[in-house]
């Protein structure tokens, strides 16, 4: 190996090493285990927390959930997996957990309508944060979350873990190196049949669920078994539909890969066009256009029919004058125009390195390495007090952009966004939608001055 090749390989190795979590053998180098609390102990709350346990000797000391059954099961699982084998303290109210003021890191994996208030209280309590995407259900909530993170000097990582996915980091390099040339159009899409089709009647909530607290500041709908556990995304009262769930990942990935900031204009059309009998009130068909300087990013989802490319049912396609790139959680394909060889890469699995991934219930095994990388980036930035790859401001931009798409569809017109003022330009009706009504006694958060 000549010197030039050695330097090139070494540089590539160093770049990749930033995405690879530390090994358990390095745990001894940790000065003092971080004390961790989790709010929302369901599917992704456990997935995130257990990945953190895999890469660092943290001590999970607190778990909070309004579902006592889910909370108890999570406590047993965490105790079996963490180094100390201690069972965490259990809470049904996040305010009591945060009042202890003894947590270094708080993870928030509640339904979307419960992201803002716990996150803001957690940073006030001195914790650094891992909060699931989207940051919020309304725009003012997200503005308040960003302001709180900055005012109290906390590190906040948003769960848009495409930014920590190894094969997508490689795909980003292809774009950043100019191999696609001028990219003037990007398509992002999801064709999963993921909209709940149930017509189940409303019922009494189970005795182990505090449904009043579960609802919190959202409108009080009758309980329906669709919503809990895991099905709450079927209702706009608790989230932002498929745009807030799936589009945000792909839009955020495109913004990261292309170094894009705020969209200038957002338009959208669609609705419930096919599956009109189901209880779900989110759109089954929607197209949205995010206009950035020099490039349009166009989203489409359908929860019916076929996917145009079975290899890429959820992903992004970048069209450049020198080539095309398709990217998803599972792979990427670079197809140059003219000379040059196509490049294909598949997702990285780490099942030999982390054998517990093989048997963990409901774990998305292909996403686990990305979550570990995202957690390692959070830990690195907690140590340096720097901004993580999915800093709260990046999550805020991607979240607000998706919320604006829903508002544009609702209003039937294009919205022009003033990022400096945090308002839609010349549109009082649209600006009234930036803040959803809160159900008492909960008070809507306001952005604090830094």
Protein backbone atom coordinates (compact mmCIF):
# COMPACT_ATOMS: atom_id res chain seq x y z
CA UNK A 1 0.00 0.00 0.00
CA UNK A 2 1.58 3.31 -1.03
CA UNK A 3 1.48 6.37 1.23
CA UNK A 4 -1.28 8.15 -0.70
CA UNK A 5 -3.56 5.11 -0.59
CA UNK A 6 -2.78 4.61 3.11
CA UNK A 7 -3.81 8.19 3.93
CA UNK A 8 -6.99 7.86 1.89
CA UNK A 9 -7.97 4.62 3.65
CA UNK A 10 -7.08 6.05 7.06
CA UNK A 11 -9.23 9.14 6.47
CA UNK A 12 -12.16 6.97 5.42
CA UNK A 13 -11.73 4.80 8.49
CA UNK A 14 -11.74 7.84 10.77
CA UNK A 15 -14.89 9.20 9.10
CA UNK A 16 -16.69 5.88 9.48
CA UNK A 17 -15.58 5.52 13.08
CA UNK A 18 -17.80 8.45 14.06
CA UNK A 19 -20.81 6.29 13.18
CA UNK A 20 -19.68 3.16 15.04
CA UNK A 21 -20.68 2.86 18.72
CA UNK A 22 -18.05 2.15 21.33
CA UNK A 23 -17.66 -1.45 22.37
CA UNK A 24 -18.85 -2.68 25.77
CA UNK A 25 -15.18 -3.29 26.62
CA UNK A 26 -14.71 0.49 26.64
CA UNK A 27 -17.27 0.90 29.41
CA UNK A 28 -14.50 0.98 32.01
CA UNK A 29 -13.25 4.24 30.52
CA UNK A 30 -16.50 6.00 31.38
CA UNK A 31 -15.93 8.36 34.37
CA UNK A 32 -19.37 8.03 35.92
CA UNK A 33 -22.48 6.38 34.49
CA UNK A 34 -25.06 8.81 33.19
CA UNK A 35 -28.36 8.67 35.05
CA UNK A 36 -31.16 8.15 32.54
CA UNK A 37 -34.93 8.49 32.66
CA UNK A 38 -37.43 7.42 30.01
CA UNK A 39 -40.86 8.99 29.46
CA UNK A 40 -42.96 6.67 27.33
CA UNK A 41 -42.02 3.02 27.75
CA UNK A 42 -43.71 1.61 24.65
CA UNK A 43 -42.28 0.21 21.44
CA UNK A 44 -39.73 2.84 20.41
CA UNK A 45 -39.04 4.05 23.91
CA UNK A 46 -37.63 0.62 24.74
CA UNK A 47 -35.89 0.31 21.36
CA UNK A 48 -34.05 3.57 21.90
CA UNK A 49 -33.23 2.97 25.54
CA UNK A 50 -31.90 -0.54 25.05
CA UNK A 51 -29.59 0.65 22.26
CA UNK A 52 -28.18 3.27 24.64
CA UNK A 53 -27.59 0.56 27.26
CA UNK A 54 -25.67 -1.44 24.66
CA UNK A 55 -23.09 1.27 24.01
CA UNK A 56 -22.63 2.93 27.40
CA UNK A 57 -22.77 1.88 31.07
CA UNK A 58 -25.64 4.24 31.78
CA UNK A 59 -27.84 3.68 34.81
CA UNK A 60 -31.53 3.79 33.94
CA UNK A 61 -32.95 5.04 37.22
CA UNK A 62 -36.45 6.20 36.21
CA UNK A 63 -39.23 5.04 33.92
CA UNK A 64 -42.52 6.89 33.38
CA UNK A 65 -45.67 5.76 31.63
CA UNK A 66 -49.43 6.16 32.07
CA UNK A 67 -49.90 2.47 31.22
CA UNK A 68 -49.05 0.53 34.39
CA UNK A 69 -48.85 -2.80 32.57
CA UNK A 70 -46.46 -1.50 29.94
CA UNK A 71 -44.42 0.28 32.60
CA UNK A 72 -43.97 -2.86 34.68
CA UNK A 73 -42.90 -4.92 31.69
CA UNK A 74 -40.40 -2.26 30.65
CA UNK A 75 -38.93 -2.16 34.17
CA UNK A 76 -38.28 -5.89 34.16
CA UNK A 77 -36.70 -5.73 30.72
CA UNK A 78 -34.44 -2.79 31.57
CA UNK A 79 -33.33 -4.43 34.83
CA UNK A 80 -32.36 -7.57 32.93
CA UNK A 81 -30.31 -5.63 30.39
CA UNK A 82 -28.49 -2.91 32.29
CA UNK A 83 -25.14 -3.48 33.98
CA UNK A 84 -26.35 -2.93 37.55
CA UNK A 85 -29.42 -5.18 37.12
CA UNK A 86 -31.29 -2.66 39.28
CA UNK A 87 -34.96 -2.04 38.65
CA UNK A 88 -35.73 1.63 37.85
CA UNK A 89 -38.08 3.80 39.87
CA UNK A 90 -41.54 3.90 38.31
CA UNK A 91 -43.76 6.93 37.75
CA UNK A 92 -47.17 7.57 36.22
CA UNK A 93 -46.61 11.34 36.00
CA UNK A 94 -43.52 12.77 34.31
CA UNK A 95 -43.64 15.85 36.54
CA UNK A 96 -42.93 13.76 39.62
CA UNK A 97 -40.06 12.03 37.88
CA UNK A 98 -38.48 15.30 36.76
CA UNK A 99 -38.99 16.89 40.18
CA UNK A 100 -36.23 14.61 41.49
CA UNK A 101 -33.76 16.66 39.38
CA UNK A 102 -31.27 13.81 39.40
CA UNK A 103 -31.24 12.79 35.73
CA UNK A 104 -28.45 13.44 33.25
CA UNK A 105 -30.38 12.26 30.19
CA UNK A 106 -34.12 12.09 29.57
CA UNK A 107 -35.53 10.16 26.65
CA UNK A 108 -39.01 11.08 25.44
CA UNK A 109 -40.88 8.52 23.36
CA UNK A 110 -44.50 9.37 24.08
CA UNK A 111 -47.16 9.87 21.41
CA UNK A 112 -46.42 13.08 19.52
CA UNK A 113 -48.98 15.21 21.37
CA UNK A 114 -46.97 14.67 24.55
CA UNK A 115 -43.48 15.64 23.30
CA UNK A 116 -43.38 19.36 24.04
CA UNK A 117 -44.30 19.74 27.71
CA UNK A 118 -42.06 16.93 29.10
CA UNK A 119 -39.13 18.01 26.93
CA UNK A 120 -39.31 21.61 28.12
CA UNK A 121 -39.62 20.57 31.77
CA UNK A 122 -36.73 18.13 31.38
CA UNK A 123 -34.33 20.79 30.08
CA UNK A 124 -35.40 23.08 32.92
CA UNK A 125 -34.53 20.24 35.29
CA UNK A 126 -30.99 20.18 33.86
CA UNK A 127 -31.16 17.10 31.66
CA UNK A 128 -29.90 16.56 28.14
CA UNK A 129 -32.50 15.08 25.82
CA UNK A 130 -33.24 12.42 23.25
CA UNK A 131 -36.73 13.16 21.88
CA UNK A 132 -38.51 11.19 19.23
CA UNK A 133 -39.58 12.80 16.01
CA UNK A 134 -41.52 14.85 15.10
CA UNK A 135 -40.64 17.43 17.71
CA UNK A 136 -44.28 18.43 18.14
CA UNK A 137 -47.83 18.45 16.84
CA UNK A 138 -48.06 22.22 16.37
CA UNK A 139 -45.52 24.80 15.29
CA UNK A 140 -45.48 27.00 18.39
CA UNK A 141 -44.77 23.93 20.53
CA UNK A 142 -41.70 23.21 18.44
CA UNK A 143 -40.58 26.84 18.63
CA UNK A 144 -40.90 26.67 22.42
CA UNK A 145 -38.86 23.44 22.54
CA UNK A 146 -36.04 24.97 20.51
CA UNK A 147 -36.04 28.12 22.64
CA UNK A 148 -35.95 26.11 25.87
CA UNK A 149 -33.02 23.98 24.68
CA UNK A 150 -31.03 27.10 23.86
CA UNK A 151 -32.00 29.08 26.97
CA UNK A 152 -31.03 26.28 29.36
CA UNK A 153 -27.98 25.16 27.37
CA UNK A 154 -29.01 21.55 26.92
CA UNK A 155 -27.98 19.08 24.23
CA UNK A 156 -31.05 17.77 22.39
CA UNK A 157 -30.95 14.97 19.82
CA UNK A 158 -34.10 14.33 17.75
CA UNK A 159 -34.86 10.76 16.69
CA UNK A 160 -34.32 11.32 12.96
CA UNK A 161 -31.72 8.58 12.90
CA UNK A 162 -31.30 8.48 9.13
CA UNK A 163 -28.53 11.00 9.87
CA UNK A 164 -26.69 8.23 11.76
CA UNK A 165 -27.33 5.39 9.30
CA UNK A 166 -23.95 4.12 7.94
CA UNK A 167 -24.97 3.36 4.36
CA UNK A 168 -26.86 6.66 4.11
CA UNK A 169 -23.81 8.56 5.32
CA UNK A 170 -21.98 6.97 2.40
CA UNK A 171 -24.79 7.98 0.03
CA UNK A 172 -24.54 11.52 1.36
CA UNK A 173 -20.87 11.57 0.43
CA UNK A 174 -21.81 10.77 -3.18
CA UNK A 175 -24.02 13.88 -3.24
CA UNK A 176 -21.56 16.08 -1.38
CA UNK A 177 -18.78 15.07 -3.79
CA UNK A 178 -20.88 16.32 -6.70
CA UNK A 179 -21.26 12.95 -8.41
CA UNK A 180 -24.95 13.64 -9.15
CA UNK A 181 -24.16 17.06 -10.54
CA UNK A 182 -26.95 19.62 -10.27
CA UNK A 183 -29.90 18.18 -8.31
CA UNK A 184 -33.05 20.14 -9.13
CA UNK A 185 -35.71 17.60 -8.17
CA UNK A 186 -36.06 15.04 -5.38
CA UNK A 187 -38.95 12.65 -4.84
CA UNK A 188 -39.68 11.30 -1.36
CA UNK A 189 -42.42 8.78 -0.79
CA UNK A 190 -44.07 6.06 1.27
CA UNK A 191 -46.36 3.42 -0.17
CA UNK A 192 -46.78 1.22 2.91
CA UNK A 193 -50.36 0.17 3.66
CA UNK A 194 -49.95 1.59 7.15
CA UNK A 195 -53.19 3.50 7.70
CA UNK A 196 -55.38 1.69 10.22
CA UNK A 197 -58.44 0.23 8.49
CA UNK A 198 -60.32 -0.78 11.62
CA UNK A 199 -63.92 0.21 12.29
CA UNK A 200 -63.78 -0.98 15.90
CA UNK A 201 -66.30 0.75 18.19
CA UNK A 202 -65.24 2.99 21.05
CA UNK A 203 -64.96 1.34 24.46
CA UNK A 204 -63.94 1.92 28.06
CA UNK A 205 -60.16 2.24 28.53
CA UNK A 206 -58.42 -0.68 30.28
CA UNK A 207 -58.09 -0.31 34.06
CA UNK A 208 -54.29 -0.17 33.88
CA UNK A 209 -54.32 2.90 31.57
CA UNK A 210 -54.73 6.44 32.91
CA UNK A 211 -56.55 7.64 29.81
CA UNK A 212 -57.09 11.15 31.14
CA UNK A 213 -53.32 11.60 31.53
CA UNK A 214 -52.66 9.75 28.26
CA UNK A 215 -54.83 12.34 26.48
CA UNK A 216 -53.23 15.28 28.30
CA UNK A 217 -53.47 18.51 26.31
CA UNK A 218 -55.07 16.86 23.25
CA UNK A 219 -58.82 16.88 22.61
CA UNK A 220 -60.58 14.20 24.66
CA UNK A 221 -61.78 11.61 22.18
CA UNK A 222 -63.63 8.53 23.36
CA UNK A 223 -61.15 5.72 24.01
CA UNK A 224 -60.68 3.34 21.12
CA UNK A 225 -58.46 0.26 21.17
CA UNK A 226 -56.98 1.40 17.84
CA UNK A 227 -55.16 4.23 19.60
CA UNK A 228 -53.35 2.38 22.37
CA UNK A 229 -50.88 0.84 22.20
CA UNK A 230 -49.06 2.03 19.07
CA UNK A 231 -52.08 2.93 16.92
CA UNK A 232 -52.52 6.55 17.98
CA UNK A 233 -51.07 7.81 14.68
CA UNK A 234 -54.42 6.98 13.09
CA UNK A 235 -55.81 10.17 14.63
CA UNK A 236 -54.78 13.76 13.88
CA UNK A 237 -55.57 14.69 17.48
CA UNK A 238 -52.39 12.92 18.56
CA UNK A 239 -50.01 13.43 15.65
CA UNK A 240 -49.49 14.75 12.13
CA UNK A 241 -50.56 11.72 10.12
CA UNK A 242 -48.26 9.90 7.75
CA UNK A 243 -46.57 13.17 6.78
CA UNK A 244 -45.56 13.67 10.42
CA UNK A 245 -44.52 10.04 10.80
CA UNK A 246 -42.82 9.04 7.55
CA UNK A 247 -42.31 12.17 5.45
CA UNK A 248 -40.33 13.85 8.21
CA UNK A 249 -37.71 11.09 8.09
CA UNK A 250 -37.21 11.38 4.35
CA UNK A 251 -37.43 15.18 4.22
CA UNK A 252 -34.91 15.43 7.05
CA UNK A 253 -32.62 12.96 5.27
CA UNK A 254 -32.77 15.00 2.05
CA UNK A 255 -32.09 18.23 3.93
CA UNK A 256 -29.08 16.62 5.62
CA UNK A 257 -27.69 15.08 2.43
CA UNK A 258 -28.06 18.31 0.44
CA UNK A 259 -27.33 20.79 3.27
CA UNK A 260 -30.74 22.45 2.91
CA UNK A 261 -32.27 24.82 5.44
CA UNK A 262 -35.89 26.03 5.43
CA UNK A 263 -38.25 25.58 2.48
CA UNK A 264 -39.47 28.85 0.99
CA UNK A 265 -42.95 27.62 0.08
CA UNK A 266 -44.98 24.52 0.95
CA UNK A 267 -48.05 23.21 -0.87
CA UNK A 268 -50.05 20.02 -0.47
CA UNK A 269 -53.18 18.23 -1.68
CA UNK A 270 -54.92 15.00 -0.79
CA UNK A 271 -57.17 13.59 1.91
CA UNK A 272 -59.18 10.46 2.59
CA UNK A 273 -59.83 9.49 -1.01
CA UNK A 274 -60.08 5.68 -0.87
CA UNK A 275 -60.54 4.22 2.62
CA UNK A 276 -63.47 6.26 3.87
CA UNK A 277 -65.02 3.65 6.18
CA UNK A 278 -62.21 3.35 8.73
CA UNK A 279 -62.13 5.13 12.09
CA UNK A 280 -58.80 6.72 11.20
CA UNK A 281 -59.00 10.40 10.30
CA UNK A 282 -55.54 10.84 8.72
CA UNK A 283 -55.12 11.11 4.94
CA UNK A 284 -54.74 7.94 2.89
CA UNK A 285 -53.43 9.90 -0.11
CA UNK A 286 -51.30 13.04 0.00
CA UNK A 287 -48.77 14.92 -2.12
CA UNK A 288 -46.68 17.80 -0.78
CA UNK A 289 -44.12 20.04 -2.46
CA UNK A 290 -41.35 21.67 -0.43
CA UNK A 291 -39.72 24.45 -2.46
CA UNK A 292 -36.08 25.11 -1.58
CA UNK A 293 -33.75 27.46 -3.48
CA UNK A 294 -32.88 25.61 -6.67
CA UNK A 295 -34.64 22.34 -5.85
CA UNK A 296 -38.13 21.02 -5.25
CA UNK A 297 -38.63 18.10 -2.86
CA UNK A 298 -41.92 16.34 -3.62
CA UNK A 299 -43.55 13.93 -1.16
CA UNK A 300 -46.23 11.35 -1.92
CA UNK A 301 -47.89 8.73 0.20
CA UNK A 302 -50.59 6.22 -0.63
CA UNK A 303 -51.86 3.61 1.80
CA UNK A 304 -53.41 1.63 -1.03
CA UNK A 305 -52.33 0.24 -4.40
CA UNK A 306 -48.86 -0.82 -5.52
CA UNK A 307 -45.46 0.77 -5.02
CA UNK A 308 -43.72 1.94 -8.22
CA UNK A 309 -40.46 0.26 -7.12
CA UNK A 310 -40.79 -2.73 -4.77
CA UNK A 311 -37.15 -2.25 -3.69
CA UNK A 312 -37.93 1.29 -2.53
CA UNK A 313 -41.42 1.43 -1.00
CA UNK A 314 -40.25 4.17 1.42
CA UNK A 315 -37.34 6.33 0.42
CA UNK A 316 -35.98 9.19 -1.67
CA UNK A 317 -34.91 9.53 -5.29
CA UNK A 318 -32.44 12.29 -6.14
CA UNK A 319 -32.36 13.36 -9.79
CA UNK A 320 -29.14 15.04 -10.92
CA UNK A 321 -27.88 15.93 -14.37
CA UNK A 322 -25.00 13.47 -13.86
CA UNK A 323 -26.90 10.61 -12.25
CA UNK A 324 -29.69 9.36 -10.01
CA UNK A 325 -29.56 8.17 -6.42
CA UNK A 326 -32.19 6.10 -4.64
CA UNK A 327 -31.90 5.85 -0.86
CA UNK A 328 -33.87 4.11 1.87
CA UNK A 329 -33.42 2.57 5.29
CA UNK A 330 -32.50 -0.71 3.62
CA UNK A 331 -30.10 0.29 0.82
CA UNK A 332 -28.99 2.84 -1.72
CA UNK A 333 -28.38 2.69 -5.46
CA UNK A 334 -26.29 5.24 -7.35
CA UNK A 335 -26.81 5.17 -11.12
CA UNK A 336 -24.44 7.52 -13.01
CA UNK A 337 -25.32 8.84 -16.46
CA UNK A 338 -22.83 7.92 -19.17
CA UNK A 339 -19.49 6.61 -17.90
CA UNK A 340 -19.01 5.28 -14.40
CA UNK A 341 -20.11 2.21 -12.50
CA UNK A 342 -23.35 1.93 -10.53
CA UNK A 343 -22.95 1.53 -6.76
CA UNK A 344 -25.23 -0.51 -4.53
CA UNK A 345 -25.02 -0.76 -0.75
CA UNK A 346 -27.22 -2.57 1.75
CA UNK A 347 -28.00 -1.67 5.32
CA UNK A 348 -25.47 -2.65 7.98
CA UNK A 349 -26.55 -5.26 10.52
CA UNK A 350 -24.63 -5.85 13.74
CA UNK A 351 -26.28 -9.04 14.96
CA UNK A 352 -23.01 -10.82 15.73
CA UNK A 353 -21.76 -7.85 17.72
CA UNK A 354 -25.07 -7.36 19.55
CA UNK A 355 -26.70 -10.82 19.66
CA UNK A 356 -29.56 -9.61 21.86
CA UNK A 357 -30.88 -7.82 18.77
CA UNK A 358 -31.78 -11.22 17.32
CA UNK A 359 -34.43 -11.97 19.94
CA UNK A 360 -35.60 -8.56 21.16
CA UNK A 361 -39.35 -8.25 20.68
CA UNK A 362 -40.48 -5.80 17.96
CA UNK A 363 -36.97 -4.46 17.33
CA UNK A 364 -36.38 -3.15 13.81
CA UNK A 365 -33.06 -4.96 13.42
CA UNK A 366 -32.03 -2.96 10.36
CA UNK A 367 -32.49 0.31 12.29
CA UNK A 368 -30.66 -0.76 15.46
CA UNK A 369 -27.15 0.26 14.22
CA UNK A 370 -28.49 3.71 13.29
CA UNK A 371 -30.02 4.16 16.74
CA UNK A 372 -26.73 3.15 18.37
CA UNK A 373 -24.88 5.63 16.19
CA UNK A 374 -27.41 8.33 17.05
CA UNK A 375 -27.02 7.60 20.76
CA UNK A 376 -23.23 7.65 20.52
CA UNK A 377 -23.40 11.02 18.79
CA UNK A 378 -25.61 12.28 21.62
CA UNK A 379 -23.12 11.06 24.23
CA UNK A 380 -20.21 12.63 22.36
CA UNK A 381 -22.00 15.97 22.23
CA UNK A 382 -22.98 15.80 25.89
CA UNK A 383 -19.26 15.47 26.62
CA UNK A 384 -18.25 18.30 24.27
CA UNK A 385 -21.43 20.41 24.71
CA UNK A 386 -21.63 20.57 20.92
CA UNK A 387 -24.63 20.22 18.64
CA UNK A 388 -25.57 16.65 17.67
CA UNK A 389 -26.17 15.58 14.08
CA UNK A 390 -29.95 15.79 14.61
CA UNK A 391 -29.88 18.86 16.82
CA UNK A 392 -33.22 20.23 17.99
CA UNK A 393 -33.02 23.03 15.41
CA UNK A 394 -32.72 20.54 12.54
CA UNK A 395 -35.60 18.51 13.96
CA UNK A 396 -37.59 21.73 14.35
CA UNK A 397 -37.11 22.70 10.70
CA UNK A 398 -38.13 19.27 9.40
CA UNK A 399 -41.09 19.03 11.77
CA UNK A 400 -42.46 22.49 11.01
CA UNK A 401 -42.10 21.91 7.27
CA UNK A 402 -44.27 18.78 7.54
CA UNK A 403 -46.86 20.53 9.69
CA UNK A 404 -47.03 23.31 7.09
CA UNK A 405 -47.76 20.68 4.44
CA UNK A 406 -50.79 19.52 6.43
CA UNK A 407 -51.93 23.11 6.88
CA UNK A 408 -51.52 23.78 3.16
CA UNK A 409 -53.70 20.74 2.37
CA UNK A 410 -56.30 21.86 4.91
CA UNK A 411 -56.43 25.41 3.52
CA UNK A 412 -56.08 24.45 -0.12
CA UNK A 413 -53.28 26.89 -0.93
CA UNK A 414 -49.52 27.32 -0.98
CA UNK A 415 -47.96 28.72 2.18
CA UNK A 416 -44.93 31.01 2.11
CA UNK A 417 -42.85 30.65 5.26
CA UNK A 418 -40.97 33.47 6.95
CA UNK A 419 -38.31 31.57 8.90
CA UNK A 420 -36.98 34.67 10.64
CA UNK A 421 -40.39 35.59 12.07
CA UNK A 422 -41.67 32.03 12.45
CA UNK A 423 -44.88 32.91 10.61
CA UNK A 424 -46.66 32.28 7.33
CA UNK A 425 -46.34 35.41 5.21
CA UNK A 426 -49.50 37.45 4.68
CA UNK A 427 -51.89 34.73 5.82
CA UNK A 428 -53.73 35.32 9.10
CA UNK A 429 -55.85 32.20 8.67
CA UNK A 430 -52.77 29.99 8.31
CA UNK A 431 -51.07 31.64 11.29
CA UNK A 432 -54.05 30.82 13.49
CA UNK A 433 -53.21 27.14 12.88
CA UNK A 434 -49.68 27.45 14.25
CA UNK A 435 -50.95 26.89 17.78
CA UNK A 436 -53.49 24.17 18.55
CA UNK A 437 -55.91 24.63 21.43
CA UNK A 438 -54.83 22.91 24.63
CA UNK A 439 -57.27 21.07 26.83
CA UNK A 440 -57.25 22.30 30.40
CA UNK A 441 -55.64 22.32 32.87
CA UNK A 442 -52.63 22.02 30.54
CA UNK A 443 -51.15 25.31 29.31
CA UNK A 444 -49.66 25.71 25.85
CA UNK A 445 -45.90 26.41 26.05
CA UNK A 446 -44.57 29.73 24.81
CA UNK A 447 -41.13 30.30 23.28
CA UNK A 448 -38.96 31.86 25.99
CA UNK A 449 -36.42 34.51 25.08
CA UNK A 450 -32.89 33.17 25.15
